[in-house]
Amino acid sequence: MTKPVKTREEMEREGWKESSLTVGQHLERTVEMYEELGFEVYLEEVDPKDCEECTACYQSGKEKLYRVYTKPLNLEPGRKRSA
């Protein structure tokens, strides 16, 4: 599921939308839910120190933090999904 890191601009051009920032079992449930709803999922490992959000819990637990991007499976590159 983890792929090479792309810039945010590249992700948006390809139709990806940032959906969440999460870890552990919640990450697994999030990925399963989006896949069941017909979305493709892209995971980007994130260093908690690089996040704007509070990540003290993630850092103390030494868990790998992931940014979750999603897009519908049938969305063509370059086409944006309506909000």
N, C-alpha and C. Protein backbone atom coordinates (compact mmCIF):
# COMPACT_ATOMS: atom_id res chain seq x y z
N MET A 1 0.81 -1.19 0.00
CA MET A 1 0.00 0.00 0.00
C MET A 1 0.85 1.26 0.00
N THR A 2 2.02 1.26 0.60
CA THR A 2 2.86 2.44 0.62
C THR A 2 3.61 2.53 -0.70
N LYS A 3 3.60 3.70 -1.30
CA LYS A 3 4.24 3.93 -2.58
C LYS A 3 5.25 5.06 -2.43
N PRO A 4 6.07 5.33 -3.45
CA PRO A 4 7.00 6.44 -3.35
C PRO A 4 6.27 7.75 -3.08
N VAL A 5 6.90 8.63 -2.32
CA VAL A 5 6.29 9.90 -1.94
C VAL A 5 6.15 10.80 -3.16
N LYS A 6 5.00 11.41 -3.29
CA LYS A 6 4.73 12.37 -4.35
C LYS A 6 4.43 13.71 -3.70
N THR A 7 4.55 14.78 -4.46
CA THR A 7 4.20 16.09 -3.91
C THR A 7 2.69 16.19 -3.82
N ARG A 8 2.24 17.10 -2.99
CA ARG A 8 0.80 17.33 -2.83
C ARG A 8 0.19 17.74 -4.18
N GLU A 9 0.93 18.54 -4.94
CA GLU A 9 0.45 18.99 -6.26
C GLU A 9 0.27 17.81 -7.22
N GLU A 10 1.22 16.88 -7.20
CA GLU A 10 1.11 15.69 -8.04
C GLU A 10 -0.11 14.87 -7.65
N MET A 11 -0.31 14.72 -6.35
CA MET A 11 -1.45 13.96 -5.85
C MET A 11 -2.76 14.59 -6.33
N GLU A 12 -2.88 15.91 -6.20
CA GLU A 12 -4.10 16.59 -6.61
C GLU A 12 -4.33 16.48 -8.11
N ARG A 13 -3.27 16.60 -8.90
CA ARG A 13 -3.40 16.46 -10.36
C ARG A 13 -3.91 15.08 -10.74
N GLU A 14 -3.54 14.08 -9.96
CA GLU A 14 -3.96 12.70 -10.24
C GLU A 14 -5.33 12.38 -9.64
N GLY A 15 -5.96 13.37 -8.99
CA GLY A 15 -7.31 13.17 -8.47
C GLY A 15 -7.38 12.72 -7.03
N TRP A 16 -6.25 12.67 -6.32
CA TRP A 16 -6.23 12.23 -4.92
C TRP A 16 -6.68 13.35 -3.99
N LYS A 17 -7.35 12.97 -2.91
CA LYS A 17 -7.78 13.90 -1.88
C LYS A 17 -7.29 13.39 -0.53
N GLU A 18 -6.66 14.27 0.26
CA GLU A 18 -6.22 13.84 1.58
C GLU A 18 -7.45 13.58 2.45
N SER A 19 -7.50 12.38 3.03
CA SER A 19 -8.67 11.98 3.80
C SER A 19 -8.44 11.96 5.30
N SER A 20 -7.25 11.54 5.73
CA SER A 20 -6.99 11.50 7.17
C SER A 20 -5.51 11.31 7.45
N LEU A 21 -5.19 11.43 8.71
CA LEU A 21 -3.84 11.21 9.23
C LEU A 21 -4.04 10.29 10.42
N THR A 22 -3.50 9.06 10.35
CA THR A 22 -3.83 8.09 11.39
C THR A 22 -2.76 7.00 11.50
N VAL A 23 -2.96 6.12 12.48
CA VAL A 23 -2.00 5.04 12.78
C VAL A 23 -2.72 3.74 13.15
N GLY A 24 -1.95 2.68 13.24
CA GLY A 24 -2.38 1.41 13.84
C GLY A 24 -3.67 0.83 13.33
N GLN A 25 -4.48 0.34 14.26
CA GLN A 25 -5.73 -0.33 13.90
C GLN A 25 -6.71 0.64 13.25
N HIS A 26 -6.68 1.89 13.67
CA HIS A 26 -7.57 2.87 13.04
C HIS A 26 -7.19 3.03 11.57
N LEU A 27 -5.91 3.00 11.27
CA LEU A 27 -5.44 3.07 9.88
C LEU A 27 -6.00 1.89 9.09
N GLU A 28 -5.89 0.70 9.65
CA GLU A 28 -6.40 -0.50 8.97
C GLU A 28 -7.89 -0.39 8.70
N ARG A 29 -8.66 0.05 9.70
CA ARG A 29 -10.11 0.20 9.53
C ARG A 29 -10.43 1.27 8.48
N THR A 30 -9.67 2.36 8.50
CA THR A 30 -9.90 3.44 7.55
C THR A 30 -9.67 2.96 6.12
N VAL A 31 -8.56 2.25 5.89
CA VAL A 31 -8.25 1.72 4.56
C VAL A 31 -9.34 0.75 4.12
N GLU A 32 -9.74 -0.17 4.98
CA GLU A 32 -10.79 -1.14 4.64
C GLU A 32 -12.09 -0.44 4.27
N MET A 33 -12.46 0.59 5.06
CA MET A 33 -13.71 1.31 4.82
C MET A 33 -13.69 1.99 3.44
N TYR A 34 -12.62 2.70 3.14
CA TYR A 34 -12.55 3.39 1.85
C TYR A 34 -12.55 2.39 0.70
N GLU A 35 -11.85 1.29 0.83
CA GLU A 35 -11.84 0.28 -0.23
C GLU A 35 -13.23 -0.33 -0.42
N GLU A 36 -13.94 -0.58 0.67
CA GLU A 36 -15.29 -1.12 0.57
C GLU A 36 -16.24 -0.13 -0.10
N LEU A 37 -15.97 1.16 0.07
CA LEU A 37 -16.80 2.20 -0.54
C LEU A 37 -16.42 2.50 -2.00
N GLY A 38 -15.42 1.77 -2.51
CA GLY A 38 -15.04 1.92 -3.91
C GLY A 38 -13.96 2.95 -4.18
N PHE A 39 -13.13 3.21 -3.18
CA PHE A 39 -12.04 4.16 -3.34
C PHE A 39 -10.71 3.44 -3.45
N GLU A 40 -9.80 4.04 -4.22
CA GLU A 40 -8.41 3.62 -4.23
C GLU A 40 -7.75 4.35 -3.07
N VAL A 41 -6.78 3.70 -2.42
CA VAL A 41 -6.14 4.29 -1.23
C VAL A 41 -4.64 4.38 -1.46
N TYR A 42 -4.08 5.52 -1.10
CA TYR A 42 -2.63 5.77 -1.19
C TYR A 42 -2.16 6.19 0.19
N LEU A 43 -1.16 5.49 0.72
CA LEU A 43 -0.62 5.81 2.05
C LEU A 43 0.74 6.45 1.93
N GLU A 44 0.94 7.51 2.70
CA GLU A 44 2.22 8.19 2.74
C GLU A 44 2.68 8.22 4.19
N GLU A 45 3.82 7.58 4.46
CA GLU A 45 4.34 7.60 5.83
C GLU A 45 4.80 9.02 6.15
N VAL A 46 4.47 9.47 7.36
CA VAL A 46 4.73 10.84 7.77
C VAL A 46 5.55 10.83 9.05
N ASP A 47 6.53 11.70 9.12
CA ASP A 47 7.28 11.89 10.36
C ASP A 47 6.43 12.81 11.24
N PRO A 48 6.03 12.37 12.43
CA PRO A 48 5.18 13.20 13.29
C PRO A 48 5.75 14.60 13.53
N LYS A 49 7.05 14.74 13.51
CA LYS A 49 7.67 16.04 13.73
C LYS A 49 7.37 17.01 12.59
N ASP A 50 7.00 16.48 11.42
CA ASP A 50 6.72 17.31 10.25
C ASP A 50 5.25 17.72 10.14
N CYS A 51 4.43 17.30 11.09
CA CYS A 51 3.00 17.58 11.04
C CYS A 51 2.67 18.88 11.77
N GLU A 52 1.63 19.54 11.27
CA GLU A 52 1.14 20.74 11.93
C GLU A 52 0.25 20.37 13.12
N GLU A 53 -0.39 19.22 13.06
CA GLU A 53 -1.28 18.78 14.12
C GLU A 53 -0.48 18.31 15.34
N CYS A 54 -1.14 18.21 16.47
CA CYS A 54 -0.51 17.68 17.68
C CYS A 54 -0.27 16.18 17.47
N THR A 55 0.97 15.75 17.63
CA THR A 55 1.31 14.34 17.40
C THR A 55 2.03 13.72 18.60
N ALA A 56 1.87 14.32 19.77
CA ALA A 56 2.57 13.83 20.97
C ALA A 56 2.26 12.35 21.23
N CYS A 57 1.02 11.96 21.07
CA CYS A 57 0.65 10.55 21.32
C CYS A 57 1.36 9.61 20.36
N TYR A 58 1.42 10.00 19.09
CA TYR A 58 2.07 9.17 18.09
C TYR A 58 3.57 9.05 18.38
N GLN A 59 4.18 10.16 18.76
CA GLN A 59 5.61 10.16 19.04
C GLN A 59 5.93 9.32 20.27
N SER A 60 5.11 9.43 21.32
CA SER A 60 5.38 8.67 22.54
C SER A 60 5.13 7.18 22.33
N GLY A 61 4.18 6.84 21.46
CA GLY A 61 3.88 5.44 21.18
C GLY A 61 4.78 4.83 20.13
N LYS A 62 5.61 5.66 19.52
CA LYS A 62 6.54 5.22 18.48
C LYS A 62 5.83 4.48 17.34
N GLU A 63 4.58 4.90 17.05
CA GLU A 63 3.84 4.30 15.96
C GLU A 63 4.15 5.02 14.66
N LYS A 64 4.06 4.29 13.55
CA LYS A 64 4.23 4.91 12.24
C LYS A 64 2.94 5.64 11.88
N LEU A 65 3.08 6.89 11.53
CA LEU A 65 1.95 7.74 11.20
C LEU A 65 1.82 7.81 9.68
N TYR A 66 0.57 7.70 9.19
CA TYR A 66 0.34 7.73 7.75
C TYR A 66 -0.70 8.77 7.38
N ARG A 67 -0.44 9.44 6.26
CA ARG A 67 -1.41 10.33 5.64
C ARG A 67 -2.15 9.46 4.63
N VAL A 68 -3.47 9.47 4.69
CA VAL A 68 -4.30 8.64 3.82
C VAL A 68 -4.90 9.52 2.73
N TYR A 69 -4.62 9.16 1.48
CA TYR A 69 -5.22 9.83 0.33
C TYR A 69 -6.18 8.85 -0.31
N THR A 70 -7.27 9.37 -0.87
CA THR A 70 -8.25 8.51 -1.54
C THR A 70 -8.70 9.14 -2.85
N LYS A 71 -9.18 8.28 -3.75
CA LYS A 71 -9.87 8.73 -4.96
C LYS A 71 -10.73 7.58 -5.44
N PRO A 72 -11.85 7.91 -6.08
CA PRO A 72 -12.70 6.84 -6.61
C PRO A 72 -11.92 6.02 -7.62
N LEU A 73 -12.16 4.73 -7.67
CA LEU A 73 -11.44 3.85 -8.58
C LEU A 73 -11.61 4.24 -10.04
N ASN A 74 -12.75 4.83 -10.41
CA ASN A 74 -13.01 5.15 -11.81
C ASN A 74 -12.65 6.58 -12.18
N LEU A 75 -11.95 7.33 -11.34
CA LEU A 75 -11.60 8.72 -11.65
C LEU A 75 -10.37 8.76 -12.53
N GLU A 76 -10.46 9.44 -13.65
CA GLU A 76 -9.36 9.54 -14.59
C GLU A 76 -8.34 10.57 -14.09
N PRO A 77 -7.04 10.37 -14.37
CA PRO A 77 -6.02 11.36 -13.98
C PRO A 77 -6.33 12.73 -14.57
N GLY A 78 -6.08 13.78 -13.80
CA GLY A 78 -6.30 15.14 -14.26
C GLY A 78 -7.71 15.64 -14.04
N ARG A 79 -8.65 14.75 -13.69
CA ARG A 79 -10.04 15.13 -13.46
C ARG A 79 -10.28 15.22 -11.97
N LYS A 80 -10.83 16.31 -11.49
CA LYS A 80 -11.07 16.49 -10.07
C LYS A 80 -12.42 15.97 -9.67
N ARG A 81 -12.48 15.43 -8.47
CA ARG A 81 -13.73 14.93 -7.91
C ARG A 81 -14.50 16.12 -7.34
N SER A 82 -15.78 16.15 -7.52
CA SER A 82 -16.59 17.23 -6.94
C SER A 82 -16.72 17.00 -5.45
N ALA A 83 -16.80 18.10 -4.71
CA ALA A 83 -16.86 18.02 -3.25
C ALA A 83 -18.22 17.62 -2.76
